[in-house]
Amino acid sequence: MRSYLLLLTLLLTLSACNRTSLNGLLLGGSVEDQQFFTQVPFEFKGKEIIIRAKVNGVEGRFMVDTGAPNVISKSFREKLGLEALLKRKVGDSQLRENKEEFTRLDVVEVGDLKFRDIGAVIIDLQRSKEIACYQLDGLIGANLMRKAYWQFDYQQQQITITDQYERLNLPKDAITIPFKPKTQGTPHLELSLANQKVKTLKLDTGSSGYMGINRRHTKKAEQKYKLQKAVGYSSSGIYGAGKDTTVLFLADSLWIGGQPFTKAPIRCNRSRSNTLGNRFFEAYQMTLDWVNNKMFLVPNPTFEASPRTSHGIYIRYGEQQPIIGTVVIGSEAMQKGVEAEDLVLEINGIDTRQMAHRDYCDTMFERRFFPEEGKLRLKIQKQKTAQVLELELEQFMLFEE
């Protein structure tokens, strides 16, 4: 789902009330082995890390997400017959909250490793149409991951998990960034952007974006940089997509944990948390050390970022067919009358009027909606008037380099 107009963030926050028993559940657990070293391949789909793992002996499909605790889908919970131990309020990135059940997993197998007595939250992962595309059985979360060193090689699409730091072979000149883990284990970094400090930048491998910041932290930056704005459903969390106005800009420089970075694409809206996601990490080999609370980055010399281009729209799935999810304000698409929630009848010769959700997901993952370059041919039906429009949209650069 290559698009700078969609941010998928599976980050979860837990209620501060009555957390004693919840903390015990999330802080508990152990690794069965000692002196361990295992490597696990992953699929990097839609800028998300997907692996195969087993829970209580049953194999499933899991997203690796440092921004959340372990999660088990409701359908996988039924398959496993898991008992609920307690119920607490959970919030997602779109400011939605719900009371969810928590359970304890006897054993989680990742590669050759067995993690025992691991706490997890039970959530319906079909509520978000964007997240449902990944067909997940759950999330491997920070409360499990913090029990070992984790190294992510985005180029080789491989995760190394060990309790032996020296076997990671980190170079002496690796970029070193300190972090502070919260209760569930999610690392928090310190960001400085346009001389404004943000102490709650969450290291979030469940985010498909580069960097997402709540707009209350970007007032100075928005005065400094040229802005692009988009309106509609530009981000999605566990409980679904949120409608908002999103501001995008390219920061010429910023600091993360005291380390400088340049040409960083930033997106700002009213989301619950500030996140650093996989579009940032994919340019590195990234290692997480929960013993010393440090992240290590080794640049990938062959990495080339995808072009920061757009046709001014993003397509999402509505109730029964694809719809316009987001429109860039002032773009050719908006000038020609395209609005969020308009029905998509046809795009680049693909008839979408009877398109099922699964077919939509496959088409998005295979990048068949949006051409790598050139014009986008689009037929839509206005949501308000039922008028049908046929138009062509030119591709443009979202940010001026």
Protein backbone atom coordinates (compact mmCIF):
# COMPACT_ATOMS: atom_id res chain seq x y z
CA MET A 1 0.00 0.00 0.00
CA ARG A 2 2.55 2.57 -1.07
CA SER A 3 1.02 5.94 -0.26
CA TYR A 4 2.15 8.94 1.72
CA LEU A 5 -1.53 9.75 2.25
CA LEU A 6 -2.25 6.70 4.42
CA LEU A 7 -0.74 5.95 7.80
CA LEU A 8 -1.45 2.58 9.38
CA THR A 9 -0.64 2.57 13.10
CA LEU A 10 -1.52 -0.35 15.37
CA LEU A 11 -0.23 1.47 18.46
CA LEU A 12 -2.21 0.77 21.64
CA THR A 13 -2.34 2.67 24.93
CA LEU A 14 -3.63 1.26 28.18
CA SER A 15 -5.81 2.96 30.78
CA ALA A 16 -3.98 4.42 33.78
CA CYS A 17 -6.75 3.25 36.12
CA ASN A 18 -6.50 0.02 38.13
CA ARG A 19 -3.26 -1.05 36.47
CA THR A 20 -1.70 -3.12 39.27
CA SER A 21 -3.00 -6.47 38.04
CA LEU A 22 -2.51 -5.45 34.39
CA ASN A 23 1.10 -4.46 35.03
CA GLY A 24 1.74 -7.83 36.60
CA LEU A 25 0.33 -9.55 33.54
CA LEU A 26 2.34 -7.48 31.05
CA LEU A 27 5.60 -7.53 33.01
CA GLY A 28 5.48 -11.28 33.58
CA GLY A 29 6.74 -14.10 31.42
CA SER A 30 10.13 -15.49 30.48
CA VAL A 31 12.19 -17.09 27.71
CA GLU A 32 12.52 -20.84 28.14
CA ASP A 33 16.04 -20.98 26.66
CA GLN A 34 19.38 -19.46 27.66
CA GLN A 35 22.31 -18.56 25.38
CA PHE A 36 19.86 -18.45 22.48
CA PHE A 37 20.20 -17.14 18.93
CA THR A 38 17.53 -17.49 16.28
CA GLN A 39 16.74 -15.83 12.96
CA VAL A 40 13.22 -15.41 11.62
CA PRO A 41 12.29 -14.34 8.06
CA PHE A 42 9.61 -11.73 7.67
CA GLU A 43 7.34 -10.43 4.95
CA PHE A 44 7.49 -6.65 4.54
CA LYS A 45 3.99 -6.06 3.28
CA GLY A 46 2.52 -2.57 3.02
CA LYS A 47 5.50 -1.36 5.12
CA GLU A 48 4.51 -3.74 7.95
CA ILE A 49 6.55 -6.64 9.40
CA ILE A 50 4.67 -9.96 9.21
CA ILE A 51 5.95 -13.28 10.61
CA ARG A 52 4.69 -16.77 11.33
CA ALA A 53 4.60 -17.75 15.01
CA LYS A 54 2.86 -20.29 17.22
CA VAL A 55 0.68 -19.72 20.28
CA ASN A 56 0.04 -22.78 22.44
CA GLY A 57 1.17 -24.92 19.51
CA VAL A 58 -1.13 -23.34 16.90
CA GLU A 59 0.54 -21.45 14.04
CA GLY A 60 -0.68 -18.03 13.02
CA ARG A 61 0.15 -14.85 11.15
CA PHE A 62 1.46 -12.01 13.31
CA MET A 63 2.59 -8.42 12.90
CA VAL A 64 5.67 -7.39 14.91
CA ASP A 65 4.68 -4.20 16.73
CA THR A 66 6.81 -2.37 19.31
CA GLY A 67 3.99 0.15 19.78
CA ALA A 68 1.59 -2.37 21.34
CA PRO A 69 1.48 -5.26 23.81
CA ASN A 70 0.85 -8.76 22.49
CA VAL A 71 -2.52 -9.02 20.79
CA ILE A 72 -4.62 -12.07 19.94
CA SER A 73 -7.48 -11.68 17.48
CA LYS A 74 -10.93 -12.74 18.65
CA SER A 75 -11.12 -15.46 16.00
CA PHE A 76 -7.72 -16.89 17.03
CA ARG A 77 -8.75 -16.70 20.70
CA GLU A 78 -11.77 -18.90 19.92
CA LYS A 79 -9.52 -21.38 18.12
CA LEU A 80 -7.20 -21.53 21.15
CA GLY A 81 -9.97 -21.50 23.77
CA LEU A 82 -8.27 -18.76 25.83
CA GLU A 83 -9.71 -17.64 29.16
CA ALA A 84 -10.14 -13.94 29.94
CA LEU A 85 -8.34 -12.91 33.14
CA LEU A 86 -9.32 -9.24 33.35
CA LYS A 87 -10.84 -6.39 31.35
CA ARG A 88 -9.36 -2.92 30.88
CA LYS A 89 -9.79 0.14 28.67
CA VAL A 90 -7.58 0.26 25.56
CA GLY A 91 -7.04 3.25 23.25
CA ASP A 92 -5.83 3.30 19.64
CA SER A 93 -3.99 5.91 17.55
CA GLN A 94 -7.28 7.50 16.40
CA LEU A 95 -8.39 8.48 19.93
CA ARG A 96 -10.94 5.65 20.08
CA GLU A 97 -11.25 3.58 23.25
CA ASN A 98 -12.88 0.31 24.20
CA LYS A 99 -12.84 -2.14 27.10
CA GLU A 100 -11.02 -5.30 26.08
CA GLU A 101 -10.27 -8.64 27.70
CA PHE A 102 -6.73 -9.69 28.61
CA THR A 103 -5.38 -13.22 28.81
CA ARG A 104 -2.15 -15.12 29.45
CA LEU A 105 -0.50 -17.19 26.70
CA ASP A 106 1.15 -20.39 27.95
CA VAL A 107 3.77 -20.41 25.20
CA VAL A 108 4.57 -18.23 22.19
CA GLU A 109 7.04 -19.73 19.72
CA VAL A 110 9.01 -17.32 17.54
CA GLY A 111 11.58 -19.14 15.44
CA ASP A 112 13.31 -21.63 17.75
CA LEU A 113 12.43 -19.67 20.91
CA LYS A 114 9.67 -20.30 23.41
CA PHE A 115 8.32 -17.38 25.45
CA ARG A 116 6.22 -18.56 28.38
CA ASP A 117 3.37 -16.99 30.40
CA ILE A 118 3.06 -13.89 28.21
CA GLY A 119 0.24 -11.40 28.72
CA ALA A 120 -1.92 -10.39 25.74
CA VAL A 121 -5.01 -8.35 24.92
CA ILE A 122 -7.85 -9.86 22.88
CA ILE A 123 -9.08 -7.54 20.09
CA ASP A 124 -11.22 -7.85 16.98
CA LEU A 125 -8.66 -7.16 14.21
CA GLN A 126 -11.39 -6.93 11.57
CA ARG A 127 -12.76 -3.58 12.78
CA SER A 128 -10.32 -1.62 10.63
CA LYS A 129 -10.70 -2.39 6.93
CA GLU A 130 -7.06 -1.41 6.40
CA ILE A 131 -5.76 -3.74 9.13
CA ALA A 132 -8.13 -6.52 8.03
CA CYS A 133 -6.21 -6.61 4.71
CA TYR A 134 -3.27 -8.23 6.53
CA GLN A 135 -5.34 -11.22 7.74
CA LEU A 136 -3.66 -11.22 11.13
CA ASP A 137 -4.07 -13.64 14.02
CA GLY A 138 -2.42 -11.16 16.37
CA LEU A 139 0.55 -8.94 17.18
CA ILE A 140 3.92 -9.83 18.66
CA GLY A 141 4.22 -6.91 21.05
CA ALA A 142 6.78 -5.06 23.12
CA ASN A 143 6.03 -6.91 26.38
CA LEU A 144 7.37 -10.10 24.74
CA MET A 145 10.12 -8.45 22.71
CA ARG A 146 11.73 -6.71 25.70
CA LYS A 147 12.93 -10.11 26.97
CA ALA A 148 15.70 -10.29 24.32
CA TYR A 149 17.78 -8.29 21.85
CA TRP A 150 15.94 -7.86 18.54
CA GLN A 151 17.69 -6.91 15.32
CA PHE A 152 15.71 -6.04 12.18
CA ASP A 153 17.42 -6.35 8.80
CA TYR A 154 14.97 -4.70 6.42
CA GLN A 155 17.15 -5.40 3.38
CA GLN A 156 17.33 -9.17 4.00
CA GLN A 157 13.86 -9.21 5.61
CA GLN A 158 15.16 -11.09 8.62
CA ILE A 159 14.85 -10.69 12.40
CA THR A 160 17.61 -11.88 14.73
CA ILE A 161 16.62 -12.59 18.36
CA THR A 162 19.25 -13.36 20.99
CA ASP A 163 20.33 -12.87 24.60
CA GLN A 164 23.96 -12.49 23.50
CA TYR A 165 24.73 -8.91 22.50
CA GLU A 166 28.15 -9.77 21.09
CA ARG A 167 26.63 -12.07 18.46
CA LEU A 168 24.84 -9.13 16.82
CA ASN A 169 28.17 -7.89 15.40
CA LEU A 170 27.28 -4.23 15.61
CA PRO A 171 29.92 -1.87 14.17
CA LYS A 172 31.51 0.65 16.54
CA ASP A 173 30.17 3.55 14.48
CA ALA A 174 26.52 2.43 14.70
CA ILE A 175 24.17 5.33 15.42
CA THR A 176 23.21 4.99 19.10
CA ILE A 177 19.95 6.46 20.41
CA PRO A 178 18.74 6.09 24.03
CA PHE A 179 15.12 5.31 24.81
CA LYS A 180 12.83 4.97 27.82
CA PRO A 181 10.52 1.94 27.83
CA LYS A 182 7.02 2.28 29.25
CA THR A 183 5.12 -0.45 31.13
CA GLN A 184 4.30 -2.59 28.09
CA GLY A 185 7.88 -2.13 26.82
CA THR A 186 7.31 0.40 24.02
CA PRO A 187 10.48 2.52 23.63
CA HIS A 188 10.04 6.31 23.90
CA LEU A 189 12.55 8.58 22.16
CA GLU A 190 13.24 12.31 22.44
CA LEU A 191 12.73 14.42 19.32
CA SER A 192 13.80 17.98 18.58
CA LEU A 193 12.08 19.56 15.57
CA ALA A 194 12.40 23.26 14.67
CA ASN A 195 13.74 23.97 18.20
CA GLN A 196 10.65 22.34 19.74
CA LYS A 197 11.20 19.24 21.91
CA VAL A 198 8.95 16.20 21.92
CA LYS A 199 9.76 13.69 24.69
CA THR A 200 7.18 11.11 23.69
CA LEU A 201 8.19 9.89 20.22
CA LYS A 202 7.24 6.21 20.24
CA LEU A 203 9.39 3.69 18.40
CA ASP A 204 6.61 1.91 16.55
CA THR A 205 7.25 -0.96 14.14
CA GLY A 206 3.47 -1.25 13.83
CA SER A 207 3.42 2.07 11.95
CA SER A 208 3.70 2.05 8.17
CA GLY A 209 4.74 5.71 8.12
CA TYR A 210 7.96 7.68 8.59
CA MET A 211 7.13 10.06 11.42
CA GLY A 212 3.72 11.09 12.72
CA ILE A 213 3.42 13.97 15.16
CA ASN A 214 0.41 15.47 16.95
CA ARG A 215 -0.06 19.03 15.70
CA ARG A 216 0.33 20.54 19.14
CA HIS A 217 4.06 19.74 18.82
CA THR A 218 4.61 21.17 15.33
CA LYS A 219 3.49 24.82 15.51
CA LYS A 220 7.03 26.18 15.00
CA ALA A 221 7.79 23.69 12.22
CA GLU A 222 4.58 24.56 10.37
CA GLN A 223 5.69 28.20 10.32
CA LYS A 224 9.08 27.23 8.90
CA TYR A 225 8.29 24.72 6.14
CA LYS A 226 6.10 24.63 3.04
CA LEU A 227 3.00 22.60 3.87
CA GLN A 228 0.78 20.16 2.02
CA LYS A 229 -2.63 19.46 3.51
CA ALA A 230 -4.97 16.55 2.90
CA VAL A 231 -8.51 15.98 4.10
CA GLY A 232 -10.29 12.69 4.70
CA TYR A 233 -9.42 9.29 6.17
CA SER A 234 -5.64 9.52 6.11
CA SER A 235 -4.83 7.21 9.03
CA SER A 236 -6.18 4.04 10.61
CA GLY A 237 -5.80 2.37 13.99
CA ILE A 238 -7.04 -0.85 15.58
CA TYR A 239 -10.61 0.46 15.82
CA GLY A 240 -10.81 1.94 12.32
CA ALA A 241 -9.92 5.00 10.27
CA GLY A 242 -10.18 8.57 11.55
CA LYS A 243 -11.37 11.52 9.46
CA ASP A 244 -9.11 14.52 9.89
CA THR A 245 -7.08 17.22 8.15
CA THR A 246 -3.48 16.04 7.83
CA VAL A 247 -0.52 18.39 7.39
CA LEU A 248 2.59 17.11 5.58
CA PHE A 249 5.99 18.76 5.24
CA LEU A 250 9.62 17.86 4.61
CA ALA A 251 11.89 18.84 7.53
CA ASP A 252 15.41 19.68 6.36
CA SER A 253 16.79 18.58 9.73
CA LEU A 254 15.75 17.19 13.11
CA TRP A 255 17.30 15.40 16.09
CA ILE A 256 16.28 12.04 17.56
CA GLY A 257 17.93 11.16 20.87
CA GLY A 258 20.66 13.70 20.16
CA GLN A 259 21.42 12.31 16.68
CA PRO A 260 20.87 14.44 13.54
CA PHE A 261 18.73 13.37 10.57
CA THR A 262 17.89 15.25 7.36
CA LYS A 263 15.09 15.43 4.80
CA ALA A 264 12.47 13.83 7.01
CA PRO A 265 8.87 13.67 5.73
CA ILE A 266 6.56 14.56 8.63
CA ARG A 267 2.81 14.10 8.89
CA CYS A 268 0.79 15.90 11.56
CA ASN A 269 -2.77 15.45 12.75
CA ARG A 270 -4.67 15.00 16.02
CA SER A 271 -3.55 11.41 16.64
CA ARG A 272 -3.05 10.13 20.18
CA SER A 273 0.70 9.57 19.95
CA ASN A 274 3.85 10.63 18.14
CA THR A 275 5.37 7.72 16.23
CA LEU A 276 8.53 6.77 14.36
CA GLY A 277 7.69 4.00 11.92
CA ASN A 278 8.93 1.59 9.29
CA ARG A 279 9.46 4.11 6.48
CA PHE A 280 12.22 5.52 8.71
CA PHE A 281 13.64 2.18 9.85
CA GLU A 282 13.73 0.51 6.43
CA ALA A 283 16.83 2.56 5.55
CA TYR A 284 18.77 0.85 8.38
CA GLN A 285 19.56 -2.33 10.17
CA MET A 286 17.84 -1.57 13.48
CA THR A 287 18.71 -3.22 16.82
CA LEU A 288 16.73 -2.84 20.05
CA ASP A 289 18.50 -3.34 23.38
CA TRP A 290 16.06 -3.37 26.31
CA VAL A 291 18.90 -4.20 28.74
CA ASN A 292 20.62 -0.83 28.27
CA ASN A 293 17.59 0.94 26.73
CA LYS A 294 19.27 1.80 23.44
CA MET A 295 18.48 1.61 19.74
CA PHE A 296 21.30 1.06 17.24
CA LEU A 297 21.02 2.04 13.58
CA VAL A 298 23.38 0.88 10.83
CA PRO A 299 22.65 2.61 7.48
CA ASN A 300 21.94 0.39 4.49
CA PRO A 301 24.21 1.81 1.74
CA THR A 302 22.07 0.37 -1.06
CA PHE A 303 18.72 1.66 0.19
CA GLU A 304 16.78 3.95 -2.12
CA ALA A 305 13.65 5.65 -0.81
CA SER A 306 10.55 5.39 -2.97
CA PRO A 307 9.57 8.64 -4.72
CA ARG A 308 7.44 10.94 -2.57
CA THR A 309 4.81 11.33 -5.25
CA SER A 310 1.02 11.39 -5.36
CA HIS A 311 -1.93 11.79 -7.69
CA GLY A 312 -3.67 13.78 -4.98
CA ILE A 313 -5.91 11.01 -3.68
CA TYR A 314 -5.88 7.80 -1.68
CA ILE A 315 -8.37 4.94 -2.19
CA ARG A 316 -9.84 3.10 0.80
CA TYR A 317 -12.63 0.54 1.16
CA GLY A 318 -16.08 1.79 2.12
CA GLU A 319 -19.12 -0.23 3.12
CA GLN A 320 -19.30 -2.30 -0.06
CA GLN A 321 -16.75 -0.95 -2.55
CA PRO A 322 -13.66 1.28 -2.83
CA ILE A 323 -14.16 4.99 -2.13
CA ILE A 324 -12.04 8.12 -2.11
CA GLY A 325 -10.33 8.12 1.28
CA THR A 326 -8.18 11.25 1.14
CA VAL A 327 -7.78 14.27 -1.15
CA VAL A 328 -4.83 16.69 -1.13
CA ILE A 329 -6.13 20.22 -0.67
CA GLY A 330 -5.47 22.36 -3.76
CA SER A 331 -4.53 19.33 -5.89
CA GLU A 332 -5.78 18.72 -9.42
CA ALA A 333 -8.13 16.08 -7.97
CA MET A 334 -9.77 18.57 -5.60
CA GLN A 335 -9.98 21.21 -8.35
CA LYS A 336 -11.85 18.71 -10.53
CA GLY A 337 -14.39 18.05 -7.78
CA VAL A 338 -13.09 14.90 -6.07
CA GLU A 339 -14.03 14.65 -2.38
CA ALA A 340 -13.53 12.10 0.40
CA GLU A 341 -16.23 9.40 0.41
CA ASP A 342 -17.00 9.68 -3.32
CA LEU A 343 -17.57 6.20 -4.78
CA VAL A 344 -14.83 4.83 -7.04
CA LEU A 345 -16.38 3.17 -10.09
CA GLU A 346 -13.26 2.57 -12.11
CA ILE A 347 -9.55 3.26 -11.72
CA ASN A 348 -6.97 2.69 -14.45
CA GLY A 349 -9.36 0.39 -16.29
CA ILE A 350 -10.17 -1.71 -13.19
CA ASP A 351 -13.92 -1.89 -12.53
CA THR A 352 -14.40 -1.46 -8.78
CA ARG A 353 -18.22 -1.28 -8.50
CA GLN A 354 -18.57 -4.90 -7.32
CA MET A 355 -15.05 -5.28 -5.90
CA ALA A 356 -14.95 -7.34 -2.71
CA HIS A 357 -12.78 -6.28 0.21
CA ARG A 358 -10.28 -9.12 -0.32
CA ASP A 359 -9.84 -8.17 -3.99
CA TYR A 360 -9.33 -4.52 -2.95
CA CYS A 361 -6.58 -5.59 -0.54
CA ASP A 362 -4.80 -7.68 -3.16
CA THR A 363 -4.99 -4.86 -5.70
CA MET A 364 -3.54 -2.35 -3.24
CA PHE A 365 -0.70 -4.64 -2.16
CA GLU A 366 0.15 -5.36 -5.80
CA ARG A 367 0.11 -1.58 -6.51
CA ARG A 368 -2.28 -1.97 -9.45
CA PHE A 369 -4.40 1.08 -8.58
CA PHE A 370 -1.66 3.69 -8.77
CA PRO A 371 0.89 3.72 -11.62
CA GLU A 372 4.53 4.24 -10.71
CA GLU A 373 4.53 7.21 -13.09
CA GLY A 374 2.17 8.95 -15.48
CA LYS A 375 -1.51 9.80 -15.33
CA LEU A 376 -4.18 8.16 -13.21
CA ARG A 377 -7.51 7.49 -14.98
CA LEU A 378 -10.45 7.66 -12.62
CA LYS A 379 -14.24 7.36 -12.76
CA ILE A 380 -16.14 8.33 -9.62
CA GLN A 381 -19.71 8.90 -8.47
CA LYS A 382 -20.24 11.91 -6.26
CA GLN A 383 -21.43 10.83 -2.83
CA LYS A 384 -23.65 13.89 -2.41
CA THR A 385 -25.22 14.27 -5.89
CA ALA A 386 -24.70 10.86 -7.61
CA GLN A 387 -23.06 12.71 -10.53
CA VAL A 388 -20.51 10.60 -12.41
CA LEU A 389 -17.14 12.16 -13.22
CA GLU A 390 -14.42 10.79 -15.51
CA LEU A 391 -11.02 12.40 -15.17
CA GLU A 392 -7.27 12.01 -15.49
CA LEU A 393 -4.88 13.07 -12.74
CA GLU A 394 -1.24 13.97 -13.18
CA GLN A 395 1.37 12.71 -10.75
CA PHE A 396 3.25 15.31 -8.69
CA MET A 397 5.88 15.55 -5.96
CA LEU A 398 4.35 15.87 -2.51
CA PHE A 399 7.44 17.62 -1.12
CA GLU A 400 9.91 20.05 -2.61
CA GLU A 401 13.41 18.63 -1.98
